[in-house]
Amino acid sequence: MAAFAVLLAGVVALNVAVLRANMAVHRLNDEQAQLQAQNQALASQLSAAQAAPRIEGAAARLGLVQAPATDTLYLDLGRP
């Protein structure tokens, strides 16, 4: 009878260990997904930051110049 109790306790301990391992894997998968999303957002920001100087350089090669701020007008399309 004592051997059965020890065996049963071992099975319970093993199940608890497997459950903890599964919880750790789930937590790590969530963290991985979060880090991948963060990495994609950072890559997008980097791409956008690198695009502006390239566009400005291409515009300069075409002879385009930046308009003075006094020549810039903004329209409020929300008004009738």
N, C-alpha and C. Protein backbone atom coordinates (compact mmCIF):
# COMPACT_ATOMS: atom_id res chain seq x y z
N MET A 1 0.82 -1.19 0.00
CA MET A 1 0.00 0.00 0.00
C MET A 1 0.86 1.26 0.00
N ALA A 2 1.99 1.25 0.73
CA ALA A 2 2.88 2.40 0.79
C ALA A 2 3.52 2.64 -0.57
N ALA A 3 3.84 1.58 -1.28
CA ALA A 3 4.44 1.72 -2.60
C ALA A 3 3.46 2.39 -3.56
N PHE A 4 2.19 2.05 -3.44
CA PHE A 4 1.18 2.66 -4.28
C PHE A 4 1.06 4.16 -3.99
N ALA A 5 1.11 4.53 -2.73
CA ALA A 5 1.02 5.93 -2.32
C ALA A 5 2.22 6.72 -2.87
N VAL A 6 3.41 6.12 -2.80
CA VAL A 6 4.61 6.77 -3.31
C VAL A 6 4.51 6.93 -4.83
N LEU A 7 4.04 5.89 -5.50
CA LEU A 7 3.88 5.94 -6.95
C LEU A 7 2.85 7.00 -7.35
N LEU A 8 1.75 7.06 -6.62
CA LEU A 8 0.72 8.06 -6.89
C LEU A 8 1.26 9.47 -6.66
N ALA A 9 2.01 9.66 -5.60
CA ALA A 9 2.60 10.97 -5.32
C ALA A 9 3.58 11.35 -6.43
N GLY A 10 4.31 10.38 -6.94
CA GLY A 10 5.23 10.63 -8.04
C GLY A 10 4.51 11.06 -9.30
N VAL A 11 3.41 10.41 -9.60
CA VAL A 11 2.61 10.76 -10.78
C VAL A 11 2.04 12.17 -10.63
N VAL A 12 1.56 12.50 -9.45
CA VAL A 12 1.02 13.84 -9.21
C VAL A 12 2.13 14.88 -9.36
N ALA A 13 3.30 14.60 -8.80
CA ALA A 13 4.43 15.52 -8.90
C ALA A 13 4.84 15.70 -10.37
N LEU A 14 4.83 14.63 -11.12
CA LEU A 14 5.17 14.71 -12.54
C LEU A 14 4.15 15.55 -13.30
N ASN A 15 2.88 15.37 -13.00
CA ASN A 15 1.83 16.16 -13.66
C ASN A 15 1.97 17.64 -13.32
N VAL A 16 2.30 17.95 -12.08
CA VAL A 16 2.50 19.34 -11.68
C VAL A 16 3.69 19.93 -12.43
N ALA A 17 4.77 19.17 -12.56
CA ALA A 17 5.95 19.65 -13.27
C ALA A 17 5.63 19.91 -14.75
N VAL A 18 4.87 19.02 -15.36
CA VAL A 18 4.48 19.20 -16.76
C VAL A 18 3.59 20.43 -16.91
N LEU A 19 2.67 20.63 -15.99
CA LEU A 19 1.79 21.80 -16.02
C LEU A 19 2.61 23.09 -15.90
N ARG A 20 3.57 23.12 -14.99
CA ARG A 20 4.42 24.30 -14.84
C ARG A 20 5.23 24.56 -16.11
N ALA A 21 5.74 23.50 -16.71
CA ALA A 21 6.51 23.64 -17.95
C ALA A 21 5.63 24.19 -19.07
N ASN A 22 4.39 23.71 -19.16
CA ASN A 22 3.47 24.20 -20.19
C ASN A 22 3.13 25.67 -19.97
N MET A 23 2.97 26.06 -18.71
CA MET A 23 2.69 27.46 -18.40
C MET A 23 3.89 28.33 -18.79
N ALA A 24 5.09 27.85 -18.54
CA ALA A 24 6.29 28.60 -18.91
C ALA A 24 6.41 28.73 -20.42
N VAL A 25 6.11 27.67 -21.14
CA VAL A 25 6.15 27.71 -22.61
C VAL A 25 5.11 28.70 -23.13
N HIS A 26 3.93 28.69 -22.56
CA HIS A 26 2.88 29.63 -22.99
C HIS A 26 3.31 31.07 -22.73
N ARG A 27 3.89 31.31 -21.58
CA ARG A 27 4.36 32.66 -21.25
C ARG A 27 5.46 33.10 -22.22
N LEU A 28 6.36 32.19 -22.55
CA LEU A 28 7.44 32.51 -23.48
C LEU A 28 6.91 32.75 -24.89
N ASN A 29 5.90 31.99 -25.29
CA ASN A 29 5.29 32.21 -26.61
C ASN A 29 4.64 33.58 -26.68
N ASP A 30 3.96 33.98 -25.61
CA ASP A 30 3.35 35.32 -25.57
C ASP A 30 4.43 36.40 -25.66
N GLU A 31 5.51 36.21 -24.92
CA GLU A 31 6.61 37.18 -24.94
C GLU A 31 7.24 37.25 -26.33
N GLN A 32 7.40 36.09 -26.97
CA GLN A 32 7.97 36.05 -28.32
C GLN A 32 7.08 36.81 -29.30
N ALA A 33 5.78 36.61 -29.23
CA ALA A 33 4.86 37.31 -30.12
C ALA A 33 4.93 38.81 -29.89
N GLN A 34 5.01 39.21 -28.63
CA GLN A 34 5.09 40.63 -28.31
C GLN A 34 6.40 41.23 -28.84
N LEU A 35 7.49 40.52 -28.69
CA LEU A 35 8.78 41.01 -29.17
C LEU A 35 8.83 41.07 -30.69
N GLN A 36 8.19 40.11 -31.36
CA GLN A 36 8.15 40.14 -32.82
C GLN A 36 7.35 41.34 -33.31
N ALA A 37 6.23 41.64 -32.64
CA ALA A 37 5.43 42.81 -33.02
C ALA A 37 6.23 44.09 -32.79
N GLN A 38 6.95 44.15 -31.68
CA GLN A 38 7.78 45.32 -31.39
C GLN A 38 8.89 45.46 -32.43
N ASN A 39 9.48 44.35 -32.82
CA ASN A 39 10.55 44.36 -33.82
C ASN A 39 10.02 44.86 -35.17
N GLN A 40 8.83 44.43 -35.55
CA GLN A 40 8.23 44.88 -36.80
C GLN A 40 7.93 46.37 -36.76
N ALA A 41 7.45 46.86 -35.62
CA ALA A 41 7.17 48.29 -35.49
C ALA A 41 8.46 49.10 -35.60
N LEU A 42 9.52 48.62 -34.97
CA LEU A 42 10.81 49.31 -35.03
C LEU A 42 11.38 49.28 -36.46
N ALA A 43 11.22 48.17 -37.14
CA ALA A 43 11.70 48.07 -38.53
C ALA A 43 10.93 49.05 -39.42
N SER A 44 9.65 49.20 -39.17
CA SER A 44 8.85 50.14 -39.95
C SER A 44 9.29 51.58 -39.67
N GLN A 45 9.55 51.90 -38.42
CA GLN A 45 10.03 53.24 -38.08
C GLN A 45 11.39 53.51 -38.73
N LEU A 46 12.26 52.52 -38.71
CA LEU A 46 13.58 52.67 -39.33
C LEU A 46 13.45 52.91 -40.83
N SER A 47 12.59 52.15 -41.47
CA SER A 47 12.38 52.31 -42.91
C SER A 47 11.85 53.70 -43.23
N ALA A 48 10.91 54.18 -42.45
CA ALA A 48 10.35 55.51 -42.67
C ALA A 48 11.41 56.59 -42.44
N ALA A 49 12.25 56.40 -41.44
CA ALA A 49 13.29 57.39 -41.14
C ALA A 49 14.35 57.41 -42.24
N GLN A 50 14.62 56.28 -42.84
CA GLN A 50 15.62 56.22 -43.91
C GLN A 50 15.06 56.74 -45.23
N ALA A 51 13.76 56.73 -45.40
CA ALA A 51 13.15 57.14 -46.66
C ALA A 51 13.21 58.65 -46.85
N ALA A 52 13.04 59.43 -45.79
CA ALA A 52 12.99 60.90 -45.92
C ALA A 52 14.27 61.47 -46.52
N PRO A 53 15.46 61.14 -46.03
CA PRO A 53 16.66 61.70 -46.66
C PRO A 53 16.83 61.27 -48.12
N ARG A 54 16.43 60.05 -48.43
CA ARG A 54 16.54 59.57 -49.80
C ARG A 54 15.62 60.36 -50.72
N ILE A 55 14.42 60.65 -50.27
CA ILE A 55 13.47 61.43 -51.07
C ILE A 55 13.97 62.87 -51.22
N GLU A 56 14.49 63.42 -50.12
CA GLU A 56 15.02 64.79 -50.19
C GLU A 56 16.20 64.86 -51.16
N GLY A 57 17.06 63.86 -51.16
CA GLY A 57 18.19 63.82 -52.09
C GLY A 57 17.74 63.72 -53.54
N ALA A 58 16.74 62.89 -53.80
CA ALA A 58 16.21 62.75 -55.16
C ALA A 58 15.57 64.05 -55.61
N ALA A 59 14.86 64.73 -54.72
CA ALA A 59 14.23 66.00 -55.06
C ALA A 59 15.30 67.05 -55.37
N ALA A 60 16.37 67.07 -54.58
CA ALA A 60 17.44 68.04 -54.80
C ALA A 60 18.11 67.79 -56.15
N ARG A 61 18.30 66.53 -56.52
CA ARG A 61 18.90 66.21 -57.82
C ARG A 61 18.02 66.67 -58.98
N LEU A 62 16.72 66.71 -58.74
CA LEU A 62 15.78 67.17 -59.77
C LEU A 62 15.65 68.70 -59.78
N GLY A 63 16.35 69.34 -58.86
CA GLY A 63 16.30 70.80 -58.80
C GLY A 63 15.15 71.35 -57.98
N LEU A 64 14.48 70.50 -57.27
CA LEU A 64 13.36 70.97 -56.44
C LEU A 64 13.91 71.56 -55.14
N VAL A 65 13.23 72.55 -54.62
CA VAL A 65 13.62 73.17 -53.35
C VAL A 65 12.43 73.14 -52.42
N GLN A 66 12.70 73.23 -51.15
CA GLN A 66 11.63 73.20 -50.16
C GLN A 66 10.94 74.56 -50.13
N ALA A 67 9.62 74.54 -50.08
CA ALA A 67 8.85 75.79 -50.06
C ALA A 67 9.04 76.48 -48.72
N PRO A 68 9.11 77.80 -48.73
CA PRO A 68 9.20 78.53 -47.47
C PRO A 68 7.93 78.32 -46.65
N ALA A 69 8.06 78.38 -45.36
CA ALA A 69 6.92 78.16 -44.48
C ALA A 69 5.83 79.20 -44.70
N THR A 70 6.21 80.39 -45.14
CA THR A 70 5.22 81.44 -45.37
C THR A 70 4.35 81.14 -46.58
N ASP A 71 4.81 80.28 -47.47
CA ASP A 71 4.03 79.92 -48.66
C ASP A 71 3.13 78.71 -48.43
N THR A 72 3.13 78.19 -47.23
CA THR A 72 2.36 76.99 -46.94
C THR A 72 1.00 77.38 -46.36
N LEU A 73 -0.05 76.83 -46.93
CA LEU A 73 -1.42 77.08 -46.47
C LEU A 73 -2.05 75.76 -46.06
N TYR A 74 -2.90 75.83 -45.05
CA TYR A 74 -3.60 74.64 -44.60
C TYR A 74 -5.10 74.89 -44.73
N LEU A 75 -5.81 73.95 -45.26
CA LEU A 75 -7.25 74.05 -45.42
C LEU A 75 -7.94 73.19 -44.38
N ASP A 76 -8.99 73.73 -43.80
CA ASP A 76 -9.80 72.97 -42.86
C ASP A 76 -10.98 72.39 -43.63
N LEU A 77 -10.91 71.13 -43.98
CA LEU A 77 -11.95 70.49 -44.79
C LEU A 77 -13.18 70.13 -43.97
N GLY A 78 -13.10 70.34 -42.67
CA GLY A 78 -14.24 70.03 -41.81
C GLY A 78 -15.29 71.12 -41.82
N ARG A 79 -14.93 72.29 -42.30
CA ARG A 79 -15.87 73.40 -42.34
C ARG A 79 -16.65 73.38 -43.66
N PRO A 80 -17.94 73.73 -43.61
CA PRO A 80 -18.75 73.75 -44.84
C PRO A 80 -18.41 74.91 -45.74
